[in-house]
Amino acid sequence: MVRIILFEDNSNYREAFELFFEDSDKVYLVKSFGEATKATTHIKAIQPDVVLMDIEMPGVSGLDALKEINKYCPNTKVMIQTQFEDNHRLFVALCRGAWGYALKSDPLDKLEAAILDVHLGGGYFSPAIAGKVTRLFQDKEFNANPDFCNLTDRELEVLQHLVCGKKYQAIASAMFISYEGVHSHIKKIYEKLHVNSKSEAIVKAIENKLIN
């Protein structure tokens, strides 16, 4: 049987996943975790054949966990399983070594087949994702940088103000926009950088040289 572990913060989905694979004679779910903070530690201890990784989780995002796994457990086969279909997350996942990209809307029996394919060295993409992959790498806007973040000029300007330590109201005044407008930009910045706080956004902006 193919041994897998799951990183997923939605307890209802974890439970449904566990119940489905209880009866499988092909895939054995060894363990599931509600967050990916110690993903590499768990992987080294359990030595799964395939890892299923959600993207949006508290603490460490699935994409950041994938980067660490690729660095410290390079032979581990990780398949992303998420509700997101956007190009940026897909691009980052592929560049960071994902073996597949499944959507949570996919039937679990299809997911079982995908796990088996990945275990045998193949790749898997949900039908809704497969066409995006070809188009994505034909898009010149997406280059070889796995940390590419398609921030708009206004989002970069907001990020610059954050790095300078300005508060929301001060940013609104400097940019001649509303407080709500600043909040909307920052929400988008967090989504694109896969962070959950201002401090994380600042660190990632500096590390990836997104601002001057």
N, C-alpha and C. Protein backbone atom coordinates (compact mmCIF):
# COMPACT_ATOMS: atom_id res chain seq x y z
N MET A 1 0.83 -1.20 0.00
CA MET A 1 0.00 0.00 0.00
C MET A 1 0.86 1.25 0.00
N VAL A 2 0.35 2.28 -0.60
CA VAL A 2 1.05 3.56 -0.63
C VAL A 2 0.78 4.30 0.67
N ARG A 3 1.84 4.66 1.38
CA ARG A 3 1.71 5.34 2.67
C ARG A 3 1.72 6.84 2.46
N ILE A 4 0.73 7.51 3.00
CA ILE A 4 0.63 8.96 2.82
C ILE A 4 0.42 9.66 4.15
N ILE A 5 0.76 10.95 4.19
CA ILE A 5 0.38 11.82 5.30
C ILE A 5 -0.27 13.07 4.72
N LEU A 6 -1.14 13.66 5.51
CA LEU A 6 -1.93 14.80 5.06
C LEU A 6 -1.69 16.00 5.97
N PHE A 7 -1.48 17.17 5.37
CA PHE A 7 -1.40 18.43 6.09
C PHE A 7 -2.61 19.27 5.66
N GLU A 8 -3.54 19.48 6.58
CA GLU A 8 -4.82 20.13 6.26
C GLU A 8 -5.41 20.72 7.53
N ASP A 9 -5.71 22.02 7.52
CA ASP A 9 -6.20 22.66 8.74
C ASP A 9 -7.72 22.56 8.92
N ASN A 10 -8.44 22.17 7.89
CA ASN A 10 -9.89 22.03 7.99
C ASN A 10 -10.23 20.67 8.59
N SER A 11 -10.71 20.67 9.84
CA SER A 11 -10.96 19.42 10.55
C SER A 11 -12.05 18.58 9.87
N ASN A 12 -13.06 19.23 9.30
CA ASN A 12 -14.12 18.49 8.61
C ASN A 12 -13.57 17.76 7.39
N TYR A 13 -12.71 18.43 6.66
CA TYR A 13 -12.12 17.79 5.47
C TYR A 13 -11.20 16.66 5.90
N ARG A 14 -10.40 16.88 6.94
CA ARG A 14 -9.52 15.82 7.42
C ARG A 14 -10.31 14.57 7.80
N GLU A 15 -11.44 14.80 8.49
CA GLU A 15 -12.27 13.67 8.92
C GLU A 15 -12.84 12.92 7.73
N ALA A 16 -13.33 13.66 6.73
CA ALA A 16 -13.88 13.02 5.53
C ALA A 16 -12.79 12.24 4.79
N PHE A 17 -11.62 12.83 4.75
CA PHE A 17 -10.49 12.19 4.09
C PHE A 17 -10.11 10.89 4.81
N GLU A 18 -10.04 10.96 6.12
CA GLU A 18 -9.68 9.78 6.92
C GLU A 18 -10.71 8.66 6.76
N LEU A 19 -11.99 9.02 6.76
CA LEU A 19 -13.05 8.02 6.62
C LEU A 19 -12.99 7.33 5.26
N PHE A 20 -12.73 8.12 4.22
CA PHE A 20 -12.68 7.54 2.87
C PHE A 20 -11.55 6.53 2.75
N PHE A 21 -10.37 6.89 3.24
CA PHE A 21 -9.21 6.03 3.05
C PHE A 21 -9.11 4.90 4.07
N GLU A 22 -10.02 4.88 5.03
CA GLU A 22 -10.08 3.75 5.96
C GLU A 22 -10.35 2.44 5.22
N ASP A 23 -11.15 2.52 4.17
CA ASP A 23 -11.57 1.33 3.43
C ASP A 23 -10.72 1.06 2.19
N SER A 24 -9.72 1.89 1.97
CA SER A 24 -8.91 1.70 0.77
C SER A 24 -7.92 0.56 0.96
N ASP A 25 -7.76 -0.26 -0.07
CA ASP A 25 -6.76 -1.33 -0.02
C ASP A 25 -5.52 -0.96 -0.85
N LYS A 26 -5.46 0.33 -1.26
CA LYS A 26 -4.34 0.80 -2.06
C LYS A 26 -3.55 1.91 -1.39
N VAL A 27 -4.27 2.74 -0.61
CA VAL A 27 -3.64 3.89 0.03
C VAL A 27 -3.88 3.84 1.53
N TYR A 28 -2.79 4.00 2.31
CA TYR A 28 -2.90 3.99 3.76
C TYR A 28 -2.52 5.36 4.31
N LEU A 29 -3.50 6.02 4.94
CA LEU A 29 -3.24 7.32 5.56
C LEU A 29 -2.60 7.06 6.93
N VAL A 30 -1.31 7.34 7.04
CA VAL A 30 -0.58 7.09 8.28
C VAL A 30 -0.94 8.11 9.34
N LYS A 31 -0.99 9.39 8.95
CA LYS A 31 -1.22 10.46 9.92
C LYS A 31 -1.69 11.71 9.20
N SER A 32 -2.49 12.52 9.89
CA SER A 32 -2.89 13.82 9.35
C SER A 32 -2.56 14.89 10.38
N PHE A 33 -2.21 16.07 9.88
CA PHE A 33 -1.81 17.18 10.74
C PHE A 33 -2.59 18.43 10.37
N GLY A 34 -2.93 19.24 11.38
CA GLY A 34 -3.69 20.46 11.16
C GLY A 34 -2.86 21.66 10.79
N GLU A 35 -1.55 21.53 10.80
CA GLU A 35 -0.66 22.62 10.40
C GLU A 35 0.67 22.04 9.94
N ALA A 36 1.47 22.86 9.25
CA ALA A 36 2.69 22.36 8.61
C ALA A 36 3.96 22.92 9.22
N THR A 37 3.86 23.44 10.43
CA THR A 37 5.02 24.07 11.07
C THR A 37 6.20 23.10 11.19
N LYS A 38 5.92 21.83 11.50
CA LYS A 38 6.99 20.84 11.66
C LYS A 38 6.91 19.77 10.56
N ALA A 39 6.58 20.21 9.38
CA ALA A 39 6.36 19.26 8.27
C ALA A 39 7.58 18.38 8.01
N THR A 40 8.76 18.99 7.92
CA THR A 40 9.95 18.19 7.60
C THR A 40 10.26 17.19 8.72
N THR A 41 10.02 17.58 9.96
CA THR A 41 10.24 16.68 11.10
C THR A 41 9.33 15.46 11.00
N HIS A 42 8.05 15.72 10.70
CA HIS A 42 7.08 14.63 10.57
C HIS A 42 7.44 13.72 9.40
N ILE A 43 7.86 14.31 8.31
CA ILE A 43 8.19 13.53 7.12
C ILE A 43 9.40 12.63 7.38
N LYS A 44 10.41 13.19 8.04
CA LYS A 44 11.61 12.39 8.34
C LYS A 44 11.27 11.24 9.28
N ALA A 45 10.34 11.46 10.21
CA ALA A 45 9.97 10.42 11.18
C ALA A 45 9.11 9.33 10.56
N ILE A 46 8.17 9.74 9.68
CA ILE A 46 7.20 8.79 9.13
C ILE A 46 7.65 8.17 7.81
N GLN A 47 8.42 8.91 7.04
CA GLN A 47 8.90 8.44 5.73
C GLN A 47 7.74 8.00 4.82
N PRO A 48 6.80 8.89 4.54
CA PRO A 48 5.66 8.54 3.68
C PRO A 48 6.08 8.41 2.22
N ASP A 49 5.27 7.72 1.45
CA ASP A 49 5.52 7.63 0.01
C ASP A 49 5.08 8.91 -0.69
N VAL A 50 3.96 9.47 -0.22
CA VAL A 50 3.40 10.69 -0.82
C VAL A 50 2.88 11.59 0.30
N VAL A 51 3.06 12.89 0.13
CA VAL A 51 2.55 13.88 1.07
C VAL A 51 1.48 14.71 0.37
N LEU A 52 0.32 14.88 1.01
CA LEU A 52 -0.72 15.77 0.49
C LEU A 52 -0.66 17.05 1.32
N MET A 53 -0.55 18.18 0.65
CA MET A 53 -0.32 19.45 1.32
C MET A 53 -1.35 20.51 0.93
N ASP A 54 -2.07 21.02 1.92
CA ASP A 54 -2.96 22.15 1.69
C ASP A 54 -2.11 23.41 1.56
N ILE A 55 -2.65 24.47 0.98
CA ILE A 55 -1.88 25.70 0.83
C ILE A 55 -2.10 26.66 1.99
N GLU A 56 -3.35 26.99 2.28
CA GLU A 56 -3.65 27.98 3.32
C GLU A 56 -3.79 27.30 4.68
N MET A 57 -2.77 27.48 5.52
CA MET A 57 -2.79 26.92 6.86
C MET A 57 -2.20 27.93 7.83
N PRO A 58 -2.56 27.85 9.10
CA PRO A 58 -2.02 28.79 10.08
C PRO A 58 -0.54 28.56 10.32
N GLY A 59 0.18 29.61 10.62
CA GLY A 59 1.61 29.48 10.91
C GLY A 59 2.44 29.46 9.65
N VAL A 60 2.63 28.30 9.09
CA VAL A 60 3.43 28.12 7.87
C VAL A 60 2.50 27.69 6.74
N SER A 61 2.54 28.41 5.64
CA SER A 61 1.68 28.04 4.50
C SER A 61 2.20 26.77 3.85
N GLY A 62 1.33 26.11 3.11
CA GLY A 62 1.72 24.90 2.42
C GLY A 62 2.84 25.14 1.41
N LEU A 63 2.84 26.30 0.76
CA LEU A 63 3.87 26.60 -0.22
C LEU A 63 5.22 26.82 0.44
N ASP A 64 5.23 27.46 1.60
CA ASP A 64 6.49 27.64 2.32
C ASP A 64 6.98 26.31 2.89
N ALA A 65 6.04 25.47 3.34
CA ALA A 65 6.41 24.14 3.82
C ALA A 65 7.01 23.33 2.67
N LEU A 66 6.43 23.46 1.49
CA LEU A 66 6.91 22.75 0.31
C LEU A 66 8.36 23.14 0.00
N LYS A 67 8.66 24.40 0.16
CA LYS A 67 10.03 24.89 -0.08
C LYS A 67 11.00 24.22 0.89
N GLU A 68 10.62 24.12 2.17
CA GLU A 68 11.47 23.48 3.17
C GLU A 68 11.61 21.98 2.90
N ILE A 69 10.51 21.35 2.51
CA ILE A 69 10.54 19.92 2.22
C ILE A 69 11.48 19.63 1.05
N ASN A 70 11.39 20.46 0.02
CA ASN A 70 12.24 20.27 -1.15
C ASN A 70 13.72 20.45 -0.79
N LYS A 71 13.98 21.27 0.21
CA LYS A 71 15.36 21.54 0.64
C LYS A 71 15.90 20.42 1.52
N TYR A 72 15.09 20.00 2.51
CA TYR A 72 15.59 19.05 3.51
C TYR A 72 15.14 17.60 3.27
N CYS A 73 14.11 17.41 2.47
CA CYS A 73 13.64 16.05 2.14
C CYS A 73 13.41 15.99 0.63
N PRO A 74 14.47 16.16 -0.15
CA PRO A 74 14.33 16.33 -1.61
C PRO A 74 13.71 15.15 -2.35
N ASN A 75 13.73 13.97 -1.74
CA ASN A 75 13.17 12.80 -2.42
C ASN A 75 11.68 12.58 -2.12
N THR A 76 11.11 13.46 -1.29
CA THR A 76 9.70 13.33 -0.91
C THR A 76 8.79 13.83 -2.03
N LYS A 77 7.79 13.05 -2.35
CA LYS A 77 6.83 13.43 -3.38
C LYS A 77 5.64 14.14 -2.73
N VAL A 78 5.51 15.42 -3.02
CA VAL A 78 4.45 16.24 -2.43
C VAL A 78 3.43 16.62 -3.48
N MET A 79 2.17 16.39 -3.18
CA MET A 79 1.10 16.82 -4.07
C MET A 79 0.27 17.87 -3.35
N ILE A 80 0.11 19.00 -3.99
CA ILE A 80 -0.72 20.08 -3.44
C ILE A 80 -2.20 19.71 -3.62
N GLN A 81 -2.97 19.95 -2.56
CA GLN A 81 -4.42 19.76 -2.64
C GLN A 81 -5.07 21.00 -2.04
N THR A 82 -5.78 21.74 -2.85
CA THR A 82 -6.26 23.05 -2.39
C THR A 82 -7.55 23.43 -3.12
N GLN A 83 -8.13 24.54 -2.69
CA GLN A 83 -9.30 25.07 -3.38
C GLN A 83 -8.93 26.16 -4.38
N PHE A 84 -7.66 26.55 -4.41
CA PHE A 84 -7.23 27.67 -5.24
C PHE A 84 -6.78 27.25 -6.63
N GLU A 85 -7.23 27.99 -7.64
CA GLU A 85 -6.87 27.70 -9.02
C GLU A 85 -6.03 28.81 -9.65
N ASP A 86 -5.63 29.81 -8.87
CA ASP A 86 -4.95 30.97 -9.46
C ASP A 86 -3.55 30.62 -9.94
N ASN A 87 -3.09 31.36 -10.95
CA ASN A 87 -1.81 31.08 -11.59
C ASN A 87 -0.62 31.22 -10.65
N HIS A 88 -0.68 32.22 -9.76
CA HIS A 88 0.49 32.46 -8.92
C HIS A 88 0.78 31.28 -8.01
N ARG A 89 -0.24 30.78 -7.31
CA ARG A 89 -0.02 29.65 -6.41
C ARG A 89 0.42 28.41 -7.18
N LEU A 90 -0.17 28.20 -8.35
CA LEU A 90 0.20 27.06 -9.18
C LEU A 90 1.66 27.17 -9.61
N PHE A 91 2.07 28.33 -10.04
CA PHE A 91 3.45 28.56 -10.49
C PHE A 91 4.44 28.31 -9.37
N VAL A 92 4.16 28.87 -8.20
CA VAL A 92 5.07 28.70 -7.06
C VAL A 92 5.15 27.23 -6.66
N ALA A 93 4.00 26.55 -6.64
CA ALA A 93 3.98 25.13 -6.26
C ALA A 93 4.85 24.30 -7.20
N LEU A 94 4.74 24.54 -8.50
CA LEU A 94 5.52 23.79 -9.47
C LEU A 94 7.01 24.08 -9.33
N CYS A 95 7.34 25.35 -9.15
CA CYS A 95 8.75 25.73 -9.03
C CYS A 95 9.37 25.21 -7.74
N ARG A 96 8.54 24.98 -6.75
CA ARG A 96 9.07 24.48 -5.47
C ARG A 96 9.01 22.96 -5.37
N GLY A 97 8.71 22.30 -6.46
CA GLY A 97 8.86 20.86 -6.50
C GLY A 97 7.62 20.01 -6.33
N ALA A 98 6.43 20.59 -6.45
CA ALA A 98 5.20 19.80 -6.31
C ALA A 98 5.10 18.78 -7.45
N TRP A 99 4.67 17.57 -7.11
CA TRP A 99 4.50 16.51 -8.10
C TRP A 99 3.10 16.53 -8.71
N GLY A 100 2.21 17.31 -8.13
CA GLY A 100 0.85 17.39 -8.65
C GLY A 100 0.10 18.51 -7.97
N TYR A 101 -1.08 18.80 -8.51
CA TYR A 101 -1.89 19.91 -8.01
C TYR A 101 -3.35 19.50 -8.15
N ALA A 102 -3.95 19.08 -7.05
CA ALA A 102 -5.34 18.63 -7.07
C ALA A 102 -6.23 19.64 -6.38
N LEU A 103 -7.47 19.71 -6.82
CA LEU A 103 -8.45 20.60 -6.19
C LEU A 103 -9.31 19.81 -5.22
N LYS A 104 -9.74 20.46 -4.16
CA LYS A 104 -10.56 19.79 -3.16
C LYS A 104 -11.94 19.42 -3.71
N SER A 105 -12.28 20.02 -4.82
CA SER A 105 -13.56 19.68 -5.45
C SER A 105 -13.47 18.37 -6.24
N ASP A 106 -12.26 17.86 -6.43
CA ASP A 106 -12.09 16.58 -7.13
C ASP A 106 -12.65 15.44 -6.28
N PRO A 107 -13.32 14.46 -6.87
CA PRO A 107 -13.81 13.30 -6.12
C PRO A 107 -12.64 12.57 -5.45
N LEU A 108 -12.88 12.02 -4.27
CA LEU A 108 -11.81 11.35 -3.54
C LEU A 108 -11.31 10.09 -4.26
N ASP A 109 -12.16 9.44 -5.03
CA ASP A 109 -11.68 8.27 -5.77
C ASP A 109 -10.69 8.69 -6.86
N LYS A 110 -10.90 9.89 -7.43
CA LYS A 110 -9.96 10.42 -8.41
C LYS A 110 -8.65 10.77 -7.72
N LEU A 111 -8.76 11.29 -6.50
CA LEU A 111 -7.57 11.64 -5.74
C LEU A 111 -6.76 10.39 -5.41
N GLU A 112 -7.44 9.30 -5.11
CA GLU A 112 -6.75 8.05 -4.82
C GLU A 112 -5.92 7.61 -6.03
N ALA A 113 -6.51 7.70 -7.21
CA ALA A 113 -5.80 7.35 -8.44
C ALA A 113 -4.61 8.29 -8.66
N ALA A 114 -4.80 9.57 -8.32
CA ALA A 114 -3.73 10.55 -8.48
C ALA A 114 -2.56 10.24 -7.56
N ILE A 115 -2.87 9.84 -6.33
CA ILE A 115 -1.82 9.47 -5.37
C ILE A 115 -1.00 8.31 -5.90
N LEU A 116 -1.66 7.31 -6.46
CA LEU A 116 -0.98 6.15 -7.02
C LEU A 116 -0.09 6.55 -8.20
N ASP A 117 -0.58 7.47 -9.04
CA ASP A 117 0.21 7.95 -10.18
C ASP A 117 1.47 8.66 -9.71
N VAL A 118 1.31 9.53 -8.71
CA VAL A 118 2.45 10.27 -8.18
C VAL A 118 3.46 9.32 -7.55
N HIS A 119 2.97 8.34 -6.82
CA HIS A 119 3.86 7.36 -6.19
C HIS A 119 4.70 6.63 -7.23
N LEU A 120 4.12 6.35 -8.40
CA LEU A 120 4.83 5.63 -9.45
C LEU A 120 5.74 6.54 -10.29
N GLY A 121 5.80 7.82 -9.90
CA GLY A 121 6.69 8.73 -10.59
C GLY A 121 6.04 9.63 -11.60
N GLY A 122 4.72 9.57 -11.69
CA GLY A 122 4.00 10.44 -12.62
C GLY A 122 3.60 11.74 -11.94
N GLY A 123 2.92 12.57 -12.68
CA GLY A 123 2.40 13.81 -12.11
C GLY A 123 0.90 13.83 -12.26
N TYR A 124 0.24 14.66 -11.48
CA TYR A 124 -1.21 14.75 -11.59
C TYR A 124 -1.66 16.20 -11.49
N PHE A 125 -2.57 16.56 -12.38
CA PHE A 125 -3.21 17.87 -12.31
C PHE A 125 -4.70 17.69 -12.51
N SER A 126 -5.48 18.34 -11.66
CA SER A 126 -6.92 18.33 -11.84
C SER A 126 -7.24 18.80 -13.25
N PRO A 127 -8.33 18.28 -13.84
CA PRO A 127 -8.70 18.72 -15.19
C PRO A 127 -8.79 20.25 -15.30
N ALA A 128 -9.27 20.90 -14.25
CA ALA A 128 -9.38 22.36 -14.29
C ALA A 128 -8.03 23.05 -14.26
N ILE A 129 -6.99 22.33 -13.84
CA ILE A 129 -5.66 22.90 -13.71
C ILE A 129 -4.77 22.57 -14.91
N ALA A 130 -4.97 21.42 -15.51
CA ALA A 130 -4.07 20.92 -16.55
C ALA A 130 -3.81 21.94 -17.66
N GLY A 131 -4.88 22.55 -18.15
CA GLY A 131 -4.71 23.54 -19.23
C GLY A 131 -3.96 24.77 -18.77
N LYS A 132 -4.10 25.11 -17.50
CA LYS A 132 -3.40 26.29 -16.97
C LYS A 132 -1.89 26.10 -17.00
N VAL A 133 -1.45 24.87 -16.77
CA VAL A 133 -0.02 24.62 -16.68
C VAL A 133 0.69 24.99 -17.98
N THR A 134 0.16 24.53 -19.11
CA THR A 134 0.76 24.85 -20.40
C THR A 134 0.72 26.34 -20.67
N ARG A 135 -0.43 26.96 -20.44
CA ARG A 135 -0.55 28.40 -20.70
C ARG A 135 0.35 29.20 -19.78
N LEU A 136 0.50 28.73 -18.55
CA LEU A 136 1.28 29.46 -17.56
C LEU A 136 2.74 29.60 -17.98
N PHE A 137 3.32 28.51 -18.45
CA PHE A 137 4.73 28.57 -18.81
C PHE A 137 4.97 29.13 -20.21
N GLN A 138 3.89 29.44 -20.91
CA GLN A 138 4.01 30.16 -22.17
C GLN A 138 3.91 31.66 -21.94
N ASP A 139 3.50 32.03 -20.72
CA ASP A 139 3.30 33.43 -20.38
C ASP A 139 4.64 34.04 -20.00
N LYS A 140 5.13 34.98 -20.77
CA LYS A 140 6.44 35.58 -20.54
C LYS A 140 6.49 36.36 -19.23
N GLU A 141 5.33 36.71 -18.68
CA GLU A 141 5.32 37.47 -17.44
C GLU A 141 5.81 36.62 -16.28
N PHE A 142 5.65 35.30 -16.41
CA PHE A 142 6.11 34.38 -15.39
C PHE A 142 7.49 33.89 -15.81
N ASN A 143 8.52 34.24 -15.01
CA ASN A 143 9.87 33.83 -15.37
C ASN A 143 10.34 32.69 -14.49
N ALA A 144 11.62 32.46 -14.44
CA ALA A 144 12.15 31.32 -13.70
C ALA A 144 12.28 31.55 -12.20
N ASN A 145 11.81 32.66 -11.71
CA ASN A 145 11.91 32.96 -10.28
C ASN A 145 10.76 32.32 -9.52
N PRO A 146 11.04 31.30 -8.69
CA PRO A 146 9.96 30.61 -7.97
C PRO A 146 9.27 31.45 -6.93
N ASP A 147 9.85 32.60 -6.61
CA ASP A 147 9.22 33.48 -5.63
C ASP A 147 8.56 34.68 -6.31
N PHE A 148 8.29 34.54 -7.61
CA PHE A 148 7.63 35.61 -8.35
C PHE A 148 6.31 35.98 -7.70
N CYS A 149 6.11 37.25 -7.51
CA CYS A 149 4.87 37.73 -6.90
C CYS A 149 4.32 38.83 -7.79
N ASN A 150 3.19 38.59 -8.39
CA ASN A 150 2.63 39.52 -9.35
C ASN A 150 1.93 40.68 -8.65
N LEU A 151 2.72 41.47 -7.91
CA LEU A 151 2.17 42.62 -7.21
C LEU A 151 2.00 43.78 -8.18
N THR A 152 0.89 44.50 -8.05
CA THR A 152 0.68 45.68 -8.88
C THR A 152 1.57 46.81 -8.37
N ASP A 153 1.67 47.88 -9.16
CA ASP A 153 2.47 49.04 -8.74
C ASP A 153 1.94 49.62 -7.43
N ARG A 154 0.62 49.69 -7.29
CA ARG A 154 0.02 50.24 -6.07
C ARG A 154 0.30 49.34 -4.87
N GLU A 155 0.25 48.02 -5.09
CA GLU A 155 0.54 47.08 -4.00
C GLU A 155 2.00 47.19 -3.58
N LEU A 156 2.89 47.37 -4.55
CA LEU A 156 4.30 47.55 -4.23
C LEU A 156 4.52 48.84 -3.44
N GLU A 157 3.76 49.88 -3.80
CA GLU A 157 3.86 51.15 -3.08
C GLU A 157 3.40 51.00 -1.64
N VAL A 158 2.29 50.30 -1.44
CA VAL A 158 1.80 50.03 -0.08
C VAL A 158 2.84 49.23 0.69
N LEU A 159 3.40 48.23 0.05
CA LEU A 159 4.41 47.39 0.70
C LEU A 159 5.62 48.21 1.10
N GLN A 160 6.01 49.15 0.26
CA GLN A 160 7.13 50.04 0.58
C GLN A 160 6.84 50.85 1.84
N HIS A 161 5.62 51.35 1.95
CA HIS A 161 5.23 52.11 3.14
C HIS A 161 5.24 51.22 4.39
N LEU A 162 4.80 49.97 4.23
CA LEU A 162 4.81 49.05 5.37
C LEU A 162 6.23 48.81 5.87
N VAL A 163 7.14 48.63 4.92
CA VAL A 163 8.54 48.40 5.28
C VAL A 163 9.12 49.61 6.00
N CYS A 164 8.64 50.78 5.65
CA CYS A 164 9.10 52.02 6.31
C CYS A 164 8.43 52.23 7.66
N GLY A 165 7.54 51.34 8.04
CA GLY A 165 6.94 51.40 9.37
C GLY A 165 5.69 52.25 9.49
N LYS A 166 5.10 52.65 8.36
CA LYS A 166 3.91 53.49 8.42
C LYS A 166 2.67 52.68 8.77
N LYS A 167 1.75 53.30 9.50
CA LYS A 167 0.48 52.67 9.85
C LYS A 167 -0.51 52.90 8.71
N TYR A 168 -1.63 52.17 8.77
CA TYR A 168 -2.61 52.20 7.68
C TYR A 168 -3.07 53.63 7.35
N GLN A 169 -3.39 54.42 8.37
CA GLN A 169 -3.91 55.76 8.13
C GLN A 169 -2.87 56.65 7.47
N ALA A 170 -1.62 56.48 7.89
CA ALA A 170 -0.54 57.27 7.31
C ALA A 170 -0.33 56.88 5.84
N ILE A 171 -0.46 55.59 5.55
CA ILE A 171 -0.33 55.12 4.16
C ILE A 171 -1.47 55.69 3.32
N ALA A 172 -2.67 55.69 3.88
CA ALA A 172 -3.83 56.23 3.17
C ALA A 172 -3.61 57.70 2.81
N SER A 173 -3.09 58.47 3.76
CA SER A 173 -2.84 59.90 3.53
C SER A 173 -1.75 60.10 2.47
N ALA A 174 -0.70 59.30 2.55
CA ALA A 174 0.42 59.45 1.63
C ALA A 174 0.03 59.09 0.20
N MET A 175 -0.89 58.13 0.06
CA MET A 175 -1.28 57.66 -1.26
C MET A 175 -2.59 58.27 -1.76
N PHE A 176 -3.20 59.12 -0.92
CA PHE A 176 -4.46 59.78 -1.27
C PHE A 176 -5.57 58.76 -1.57
N ILE A 177 -5.63 57.72 -0.73
CA ILE A 177 -6.70 56.73 -0.84
C ILE A 177 -7.33 56.54 0.53
N SER A 178 -8.42 55.83 0.58
CA SER A 178 -9.12 55.62 1.84
C SER A 178 -8.43 54.56 2.70
N TYR A 179 -8.77 54.56 3.97
CA TYR A 179 -8.27 53.54 4.89
C TYR A 179 -8.67 52.15 4.39
N GLU A 180 -9.92 52.05 3.91
CA GLU A 180 -10.42 50.78 3.40
C GLU A 180 -9.63 50.34 2.16
N GLY A 181 -9.22 51.32 1.35
CA GLY A 181 -8.42 51.02 0.17
C GLY A 181 -7.08 50.42 0.55
N VAL A 182 -6.47 50.96 1.59
CA VAL A 182 -5.20 50.43 2.07
C VAL A 182 -5.39 49.00 2.56
N HIS A 183 -6.46 48.79 3.33
CA HIS A 183 -6.75 47.47 3.87
C HIS A 183 -6.95 46.45 2.73
N SER A 184 -7.63 46.87 1.66
CA SER A 184 -7.86 45.98 0.51
C SER A 184 -6.54 45.62 -0.17
N HIS A 185 -5.66 46.61 -0.35
CA HIS A 185 -4.35 46.35 -0.97
C HIS A 185 -3.54 45.38 -0.12
N ILE A 186 -3.55 45.59 1.19
CA ILE A 186 -2.76 44.75 2.09
C ILE A 186 -3.28 43.31 2.10
N LYS A 187 -4.59 43.15 2.01
CA LYS A 187 -5.17 41.81 1.94
C LYS A 187 -4.64 41.08 0.71
N LYS A 188 -4.60 41.79 -0.43
CA LYS A 188 -4.09 41.19 -1.67
C LYS A 188 -2.60 40.86 -1.55
N ILE A 189 -1.86 41.76 -0.91
CA ILE A 189 -0.43 41.53 -0.72
C ILE A 189 -0.20 40.26 0.09
N TYR A 190 -0.96 40.10 1.18
CA TYR A 190 -0.83 38.90 2.02
C TYR A 190 -1.12 37.64 1.22
N GLU A 191 -2.15 37.70 0.39
CA GLU A 191 -2.53 36.53 -0.41
C GLU A 191 -1.42 36.16 -1.40
N LYS A 192 -0.86 37.18 -2.07
CA LYS A 192 0.15 36.91 -3.09
C LYS A 192 1.50 36.49 -2.49
N LEU A 193 1.81 37.00 -1.30
CA LEU A 193 3.07 36.64 -0.66
C LEU A 193 2.93 35.40 0.22
N HIS A 194 1.67 34.94 0.42
CA HIS A 194 1.39 33.77 1.26
C HIS A 194 1.88 34.01 2.69
N VAL A 195 1.47 35.15 3.25
CA VAL A 195 1.82 35.50 4.62
C VAL A 195 0.54 35.84 5.38
N ASN A 196 0.66 35.90 6.71
CA ASN A 196 -0.51 36.18 7.55
C ASN A 196 -0.37 37.42 8.40
N SER A 197 0.73 38.13 8.30
CA SER A 197 0.93 39.31 9.14
C SER A 197 1.83 40.32 8.46
N LYS A 198 1.83 41.55 9.00
CA LYS A 198 2.65 42.62 8.44
C LYS A 198 4.13 42.27 8.55
N SER A 199 4.53 41.72 9.69
CA SER A 199 5.95 41.39 9.88
C SER A 199 6.41 40.34 8.87
N GLU A 200 5.57 39.35 8.60
CA GLU A 200 5.93 38.32 7.61
C GLU A 200 6.04 38.93 6.22
N ALA A 201 5.12 39.86 5.90
CA ALA A 201 5.15 40.51 4.59
C ALA A 201 6.43 41.33 4.43
N ILE A 202 6.82 42.02 5.48
CA ILE A 202 8.03 42.84 5.43
C ILE A 202 9.27 41.98 5.23
N VAL A 203 9.34 40.88 5.98
CA VAL A 203 10.49 39.97 5.86
C VAL A 203 10.58 39.41 4.45
N LYS A 204 9.44 38.96 3.91
CA LYS A 204 9.46 38.37 2.56
C LYS A 204 9.79 39.43 1.51
N ALA A 205 9.32 40.65 1.70
CA ALA A 205 9.61 41.73 0.76
C ALA A 205 11.10 42.02 0.71
N ILE A 206 11.73 42.02 1.89
CA ILE A 206 13.16 42.30 1.96
C ILE A 206 13.97 41.13 1.42
N GLU A 207 13.60 39.91 1.81
CA GLU A 207 14.33 38.72 1.36
C GLU A 207 14.32 38.57 -0.15
N ASN A 208 13.17 38.89 -0.76
CA ASN A 208 13.02 38.71 -2.20
C ASN A 208 13.24 39.99 -2.99
N LYS A 209 13.70 41.03 -2.28
CA LYS A 209 14.05 42.30 -2.93
C LYS A 209 12.90 42.85 -3.77
N LEU A 210 11.71 42.83 -3.17
CA LEU A 210 10.52 43.31 -3.86
C LEU A 210 10.41 44.83 -3.80
N ILE A 211 11.13 45.42 -2.86
CA ILE A 211 11.07 46.88 -2.72
C ILE A 211 12.51 47.44 -2.72
N ASN A 212 12.62 48.73 -2.93
CA ASN A 212 13.95 49.36 -2.97
C ASN A 212 14.49 49.64 -1.58
